[in-house]
Every structure is written in structure tokens, then in C-alpha cells.
Protein backbone atom coordinates (compact mmCIF):
# COMPACT_ATOMS: atom_id res chain seq x y z
CA MET A 1 -24.32 20.22 -40.34
CA SER A 2 -22.80 19.13 -43.64
CA LYS A 3 -23.26 15.69 -45.18
CA LEU A 4 -19.47 15.45 -45.28
CA VAL A 5 -19.28 15.67 -41.49
CA LEU A 6 -22.02 13.07 -41.03
CA HIS A 7 -20.38 10.64 -43.46
CA ALA A 8 -16.99 11.06 -41.85
CA ARG A 9 -18.40 10.17 -38.44
CA ARG A 10 -20.38 7.18 -39.62
CA SER A 11 -17.41 5.67 -41.39
CA ARG A 12 -15.13 5.59 -38.35
CA SER A 13 -14.77 3.18 -35.46
CA GLY A 14 -16.74 3.13 -32.24
CA ARG A 15 -14.12 5.34 -30.56
CA SER A 16 -15.30 8.25 -32.70
CA VAL A 17 -18.79 7.88 -31.24
CA PHE A 18 -17.33 9.57 -28.16
CA TYR A 19 -16.27 12.59 -30.24
CA CYS A 20 -19.65 12.69 -31.98
CA LEU A 21 -21.33 12.60 -28.58
CA LEU A 22 -19.13 15.44 -27.40
CA LEU A 23 -20.33 17.54 -30.33
CA VAL A 24 -23.93 16.95 -29.32
CA VAL A 25 -23.08 17.76 -25.72
CA PHE A 26 -21.27 20.93 -26.79
CA LEU A 27 -24.46 22.21 -28.40
CA ALA A 28 -26.35 21.47 -25.18
CA VAL A 29 -23.88 23.09 -22.79
CA PRO A 30 -24.57 26.81 -22.38
CA ALA A 31 -21.82 29.37 -22.66
CA CYS A 32 -20.24 29.99 -19.28
CA ASP A 33 -18.03 32.77 -17.97
CA VAL A 34 -16.39 30.51 -15.38
CA GLY A 35 -12.71 29.88 -16.05
CA LEU A 36 -10.61 30.95 -19.00
CA PRO A 37 -12.38 31.93 -22.23
CA PRO A 38 -12.03 29.68 -25.28
CA GLY A 39 -9.47 30.75 -27.85
CA ASN A 40 -5.90 30.17 -28.99
CA GLN A 41 -3.07 28.85 -26.88
CA GLU A 42 0.18 26.99 -27.39
CA GLY A 43 -0.49 23.26 -27.22
CA PRO A 44 1.76 20.56 -25.74
CA GLY A 45 3.45 20.08 -29.10
CA ARG A 46 4.30 23.81 -29.05
CA ARG A 47 1.89 24.38 -31.91
CA SER A 48 -1.05 26.76 -31.98
CA GLN A 49 -4.13 25.14 -30.44
CA THR A 50 -7.62 26.60 -30.87
CA LEU A 51 -10.22 25.61 -28.25
CA ALA A 52 -13.94 26.37 -28.59
CA LEU A 53 -14.97 25.20 -25.11
CA SER A 54 -14.17 27.12 -21.95
CA PRO A 55 -12.73 25.09 -19.04
CA GLN A 56 -16.21 24.87 -17.47
CA GLN A 57 -17.82 23.82 -20.76
CA GLU A 58 -15.11 21.21 -21.29
CA LEU A 59 -15.71 19.78 -17.81
CA GLU A 60 -19.48 19.72 -18.25
CA ALA A 61 -19.21 18.11 -21.69
CA GLY A 62 -17.13 15.32 -20.19
CA ARG A 63 -19.59 14.82 -17.36
CA ILE A 64 -22.58 14.47 -19.66
CA ALA A 65 -20.79 12.25 -22.17
CA TYR A 66 -19.51 9.96 -19.39
CA SER A 67 -22.96 9.65 -17.88
CA LYS A 68 -24.40 8.57 -21.22
CA ILE A 69 -21.61 6.06 -21.86
CA MET A 70 -21.83 4.57 -18.36
CA SER A 71 -25.58 4.23 -18.82
CA LYS A 72 -25.00 2.31 -22.04
CA TYR A 73 -22.65 -0.17 -20.32
CA ARG A 74 -24.33 -0.14 -16.88
CA ASP A 75 -24.78 -3.93 -16.83
CA ARG A 76 -21.09 -4.52 -17.56
CA ILE A 77 -19.39 -2.09 -15.18
CA LEU A 78 -17.24 -4.07 -12.74
CA PRO A 79 -17.63 -3.34 -9.00
CA GLY A 80 -15.01 -1.31 -7.20
CA ASP A 81 -13.75 -4.29 -5.19
CA ASP A 82 -12.94 -6.30 -8.32
CA PRO A 83 -9.16 -6.94 -8.52
CA GLN A 84 -9.07 -5.68 -12.11
CA VAL A 85 -10.68 -2.41 -11.07
CA LYS A 86 -8.31 -1.98 -8.15
CA ARG A 87 -5.34 -2.59 -10.44
CA VAL A 88 -6.48 -0.11 -13.08
CA ARG A 89 -7.36 2.59 -10.55
CA THR A 90 -4.06 2.25 -8.71
CA ILE A 91 -2.09 2.75 -11.91
CA ALA A 92 -4.34 5.55 -13.19
CA TYR A 93 -4.19 7.57 -9.98
CA ARG A 94 -0.41 7.26 -9.81
CA ILE A 95 -0.26 8.74 -13.29
CA VAL A 96 -2.73 11.49 -12.35
CA LYS A 97 -0.57 12.35 -9.33
CA ALA A 98 2.48 12.59 -11.59
CA ALA A 99 0.58 14.90 -13.93
CA GLY A 100 0.24 17.38 -11.07
CA ILE A 101 4.02 17.88 -10.78
CA GLU A 102 4.53 21.47 -11.93
CA PRO A 103 8.11 21.10 -13.23
CA LEU A 104 6.96 18.15 -15.34
CA GLN A 105 4.07 20.22 -16.71
CA ARG A 106 6.59 22.84 -17.85
CA GLU A 107 8.85 20.16 -19.31
CA ILE A 108 6.08 18.81 -21.58
CA ASN A 109 4.33 22.18 -22.05
CA LEU A 110 1.00 21.24 -20.48
CA HIS A 111 -1.51 24.03 -19.86
CA VAL A 112 -3.86 22.86 -17.12
CA GLN A 113 -4.09 25.99 -14.96
CA GLY A 114 -7.70 27.15 -14.84
CA TYR A 115 -8.97 23.68 -15.74
CA ARG A 116 -10.67 21.32 -13.31
CA PHE A 117 -10.33 17.56 -13.59
CA GLU A 118 -12.67 15.11 -11.88
CA TRP A 119 -10.67 11.92 -12.26
CA ARG A 120 -12.81 8.80 -12.24
CA VAL A 121 -11.97 5.33 -13.55
CA ASN A 122 -14.34 2.47 -14.33
CA VAL A 123 -13.65 -0.91 -15.90
CA ILE A 124 -16.11 -2.43 -18.36
CA GLU A 125 -16.33 -6.19 -18.95
CA SER A 126 -15.95 -6.46 -22.71
CA PRO A 127 -13.62 -8.16 -25.21
CA GLN A 128 -12.98 -4.76 -26.80
CA VAL A 129 -9.29 -3.84 -26.82
CA ASN A 130 -10.02 -0.27 -25.88
CA ALA A 131 -9.82 2.53 -23.32
CA PHE A 132 -10.65 6.23 -23.29
CA CYS A 133 -10.43 9.36 -21.16
CA LEU A 134 -13.02 12.09 -21.70
CA PRO A 135 -12.55 15.83 -21.08
CA GLY A 136 -12.38 16.51 -17.37
CA GLY A 137 -10.69 13.19 -16.60
CA LYS A 138 -13.42 10.55 -16.59
CA MET A 139 -12.10 7.24 -17.90
CA ALA A 140 -13.22 3.77 -18.90
CA VAL A 141 -11.06 0.74 -19.58
CA PHE A 142 -12.41 -2.35 -21.36
CA THR A 143 -11.17 -5.67 -20.00
CA GLY A 144 -10.06 -6.73 -23.49
CA ILE A 145 -7.08 -4.42 -23.30
CA LEU A 146 -6.06 -5.83 -19.91
CA ARG A 147 -5.39 -9.13 -21.68
CA VAL A 148 -3.07 -7.44 -24.18
CA ALA A 149 -0.95 -5.52 -21.66
CA ASP A 150 1.66 -7.97 -20.38
CA ASN A 151 2.38 -6.10 -17.14
CA ASP A 152 1.54 -2.98 -15.12
CA ASP A 153 4.06 -0.90 -17.06
CA GLN A 154 2.32 -1.71 -20.34
CA LEU A 155 -1.09 -0.98 -18.82
CA ALA A 156 0.36 2.31 -17.57
CA THR A 157 1.28 3.02 -21.21
CA VAL A 158 -2.39 2.81 -22.19
CA LEU A 159 -3.64 4.89 -19.26
CA ALA A 160 -0.93 7.53 -19.56
CA HIS A 161 -1.66 7.90 -23.28
CA GLU A 162 -5.39 8.38 -22.68
CA ILE A 163 -4.87 10.71 -19.71
CA ALA A 164 -2.54 12.73 -21.94
CA HIS A 165 -5.38 13.36 -24.39
CA ALA A 166 -7.45 14.91 -21.59
CA LEU A 167 -4.54 16.97 -20.25
CA ALA A 168 -3.84 18.29 -23.75
CA HIS A 169 -7.52 19.18 -24.39
CA HIS A 170 -7.51 17.16 -27.61
CA SER A 171 -11.27 16.47 -27.56
CA ASN A 172 -11.96 20.17 -27.10
CA GLU A 173 -9.70 20.86 -30.06
CA ARG A 174 -11.45 18.27 -32.19
CA VAL A 175 -14.85 19.70 -31.34
CA THR A 176 -13.53 23.09 -32.39
CA ARG A 177 -12.38 21.81 -35.77
CA GLU A 178 -15.46 19.75 -36.60
CA GLU A 179 -17.99 22.24 -35.26
CA SER A 180 -16.50 24.95 -37.47
CA GLY A 181 -17.32 22.82 -40.51
CA GLN A 182 -13.69 22.73 -41.60
CA VAL A 183 -13.56 18.98 -42.10
CA ASN A 184 -11.12 17.71 -44.65
CA VAL A 185 -10.53 13.98 -44.37
CA ILE A 186 -6.88 14.05 -45.50
CA LEU A 187 -5.94 17.00 -43.30
CA GLU A 188 -7.92 15.61 -40.39
CA LYS A 189 -6.05 12.29 -40.45
CA ALA A 190 -2.74 14.14 -40.45
CA PHE A 191 -3.91 16.26 -37.54
CA ASP A 192 -5.04 13.20 -35.59
CA ARG A 193 -1.58 11.74 -36.02
CA GLN A 194 -0.19 14.92 -34.50
CA GLN A 195 -2.48 14.58 -31.50
CA GLU A 196 -1.56 10.92 -31.12
CA SER A 197 2.12 11.79 -31.24
CA GLU A 198 1.59 14.41 -28.54
CA ALA A 199 -0.24 11.85 -26.38
CA ASP A 200 2.61 9.38 -26.91
CA HIS A 201 5.13 12.04 -25.86
CA ILE A 202 3.19 13.22 -22.80
CA GLY A 203 2.41 9.65 -21.75
CA LEU A 204 6.06 8.60 -21.93
CA PHE A 205 7.10 11.45 -19.65
CA LEU A 206 4.30 10.74 -17.20
CA MET A 207 5.30 7.10 -16.85
CA PRO A 208 8.66 7.39 -15.04
CA PHE A 209 7.30 10.18 -12.81
CA ALA A 210 4.54 7.73 -11.83
CA GLY A 211 7.05 4.93 -11.22
CA TYR A 212 6.64 2.98 -14.48
CA ASP A 213 9.21 1.93 -17.05
CA PRO A 214 8.77 3.84 -20.35
CA HIS A 215 10.74 1.16 -22.20
CA GLU A 216 7.60 -0.96 -21.85
CA ALA A 217 5.66 1.63 -23.85
CA VAL A 218 7.69 0.77 -26.93
CA ARG A 219 7.14 -2.94 -26.34
CA PHE A 220 3.39 -2.41 -25.86
CA TRP A 221 2.94 -0.49 -29.12
CA GLN A 222 5.00 -3.12 -30.92
CA ARG A 223 2.66 -5.77 -29.51
CA MET A 224 -0.37 -3.80 -30.67
CA GLY A 225 1.17 -3.50 -34.11
CA GLN A 226 1.61 -7.28 -34.23
CA LEU A 227 -2.09 -7.74 -33.44
CA SER A 228 -2.95 -5.39 -36.27
CA ARG A 229 -0.73 -7.18 -38.76
CA GLY A 230 -2.30 -10.45 -37.66
CA GLY A 231 -5.63 -9.28 -39.03
CA ARG A 232 -7.15 -8.29 -35.69
CA MET A 233 -7.29 -4.51 -35.65
CA PRO A 234 -7.83 -3.53 -31.99
CA GLU A 235 -10.36 -0.73 -31.43
CA PHE A 236 -7.57 1.08 -29.60
CA LEU A 237 -5.59 1.32 -32.85
CA SER A 238 -8.48 2.33 -35.12
CA ASP A 239 -7.59 6.01 -34.78
CA HIS A 240 -4.14 5.54 -33.22
CA PRO A 241 -1.88 5.19 -36.27
CA SER A 242 1.09 2.93 -35.68
CA SER A 243 4.20 3.27 -37.79
CA GLU A 244 7.95 2.83 -37.82
CA ARG A 245 8.26 6.56 -37.26
CA ARG A 246 6.15 6.27 -34.13
CA MET A 247 8.48 3.60 -32.78
CA ARG A 248 11.54 5.70 -33.64
CA ASP A 249 10.05 8.74 -31.92
CA MET A 250 9.23 6.79 -28.79
CA GLU A 251 12.66 5.18 -28.64
CA GLN A 252 14.18 8.68 -28.79
CA TRP A 253 11.86 10.03 -26.10
CA VAL A 254 12.43 7.24 -23.56
CA PRO A 255 15.96 8.34 -22.49
CA LYS A 256 14.79 11.97 -22.36
CA ALA A 257 11.87 11.04 -20.09
CA LEU A 258 14.19 9.04 -17.81
CA ALA A 259 16.70 11.90 -17.78
CA ALA A 260 13.96 14.36 -16.79
CA LYS A 261 12.94 12.10 -13.90
CA LYS A 262 16.55 11.74 -12.77
CA ALA A 263 17.05 15.50 -12.89
CA PHE A 264 13.87 16.03 -10.87
CA ASP A 265 14.91 13.45 -8.26
CA GLU A 266 18.30 15.14 -7.93
CA GLY A 267 16.69 18.55 -7.49
CA HIS A 268 17.88 20.02 -10.79
CA ILE A 269 14.32 20.70 -12.00
CA LYS A 270 12.53 22.89 -9.47
CA PRO A 271 9.08 24.48 -9.26
CA ALA A 272 8.64 27.88 -10.86
CA PRO A 273 9.21 30.90 -8.59
CA GLY A 274 6.26 31.65 -6.34
CA ARG A 275 5.01 28.04 -6.23
């Protein structure tokens, strides 16, 4: 492993520890013939997407990484009957249910056939303004971000965005890039912005299908930007670039997401033949 890769990982926020852990897990997970083979496919942004992990490897990597992370925070994991946990899980599972709508998958170009997701959500008592979703659908939400989201719609923004990363196999893609040794800091940052934009786009479309107002997504990211400008960079923004372009993109996507939901409700968007 090159010194460049090691330096790049050490210089980033705690969120990147998850990606570093996934690389370690990838080396430990044996090759498996179950599911589709790794390779090239068209990603959700309709760009070429190269994946090194097979669906089974991706699932196993997420399992191992989640186990290690939950072990680290075991004394701060809130019980399932905690109102905060119930709230987060209700919102998350509504979004997950929406993600299973086949016409919506076609609308946002998701490729999830052949992949297995074991959705699990835990809430960690911590002032960190953070949340993540690992490959295979295992999630953790830090209570710090619950204090930033003004309402359920804004919390749905966070969860839909993180769920979108898992649905789009972004961690798998990042493992592919870093494991190949092709790490260029400038290009990597640009590529991360592309992944973040895809997660924004997917998340916005998931929200109305799950019963949440995508207009609140714009307000939430504006609020996060205000925290950043105030000198308090939330962990959630450390590798989630915020910009005027991001706001413009989201404002353009909101009416399209609502129109897609309206068309689906009216029966204009139907499942593919044979489904």
C-alpha cells in the first residue's frame, strides 16, 4: 500500500475511517461466486461504475464493518424502546420501503437486482452531527444530527441521502478505486462530489415516495451550510461538499421528484413487463 494512500486516509475526518475499515475488510473477505461478479455497470448517475466486490462480498464487508463499529460504541447505543430510536427507525424503514418500488428504481437508474440488503438502524448517543449507511444497509445515526434536523422531513433527508449511498454501491466503488492504487487527491475529491450529487438526487426522489417533503431537503442543507459558515464544521459535511451549485441542483430536482410521485400515484408509471 502506497504512502500516498495512507496519508490521504489519515488526513481526513472520522467518516473516512469507515472506508478505511472497508478496505481492511475487503482484504479479509474471500472471493465468492454467489451473486453477480464484480465489474463495470452503469451507475445511478448514468456514468460507468466499476465495482471490485461481488454482491456477497459487499454484504459481508458491511456486516463485518458494522460489527466493529457497534463494538466501538457499544456503551452508547440507545435501546430499541427509546423514542429517538423509534423515530429514526420509522423514518428509515419508510424510505427503505420506497426504495423497493421498481418504477422508482428505473426512474433513478438504481441497480439493486442480485444484491441483498440487511437493513438495520441503531442510534448512538453522541454530540457528533453524523450518520452513515454501510454496504448491505446497516446504519447508525448519532444523536447530534437529530438536534440539527428541525422536523421528520429534514431527518428523512439525512437518512435518504445515506441510504442512497448504499443503494448506489458507492463504498464498493471507493474500495475499487483506492485498492487499485489509483489515488489522486484532486481527482478523488471531484469524484466524491459526483457520488454526493448522486446521493442527493436519489435521496430527493426517495423522499416523496416515502411520504416526506423534498422541499425540506433544501432547507436542511442550507441549515448545515450555516453551521459550517459559523465555524462549526459538522462531521456530516466533512466529505459532503456544500455549494451554491448543490442548492441549485436540488431546487431543480424537487419538482421532478414530486412529479414522478404524482405520475406513480396516478398510474402513469407502471412496473416493467413481467413484474
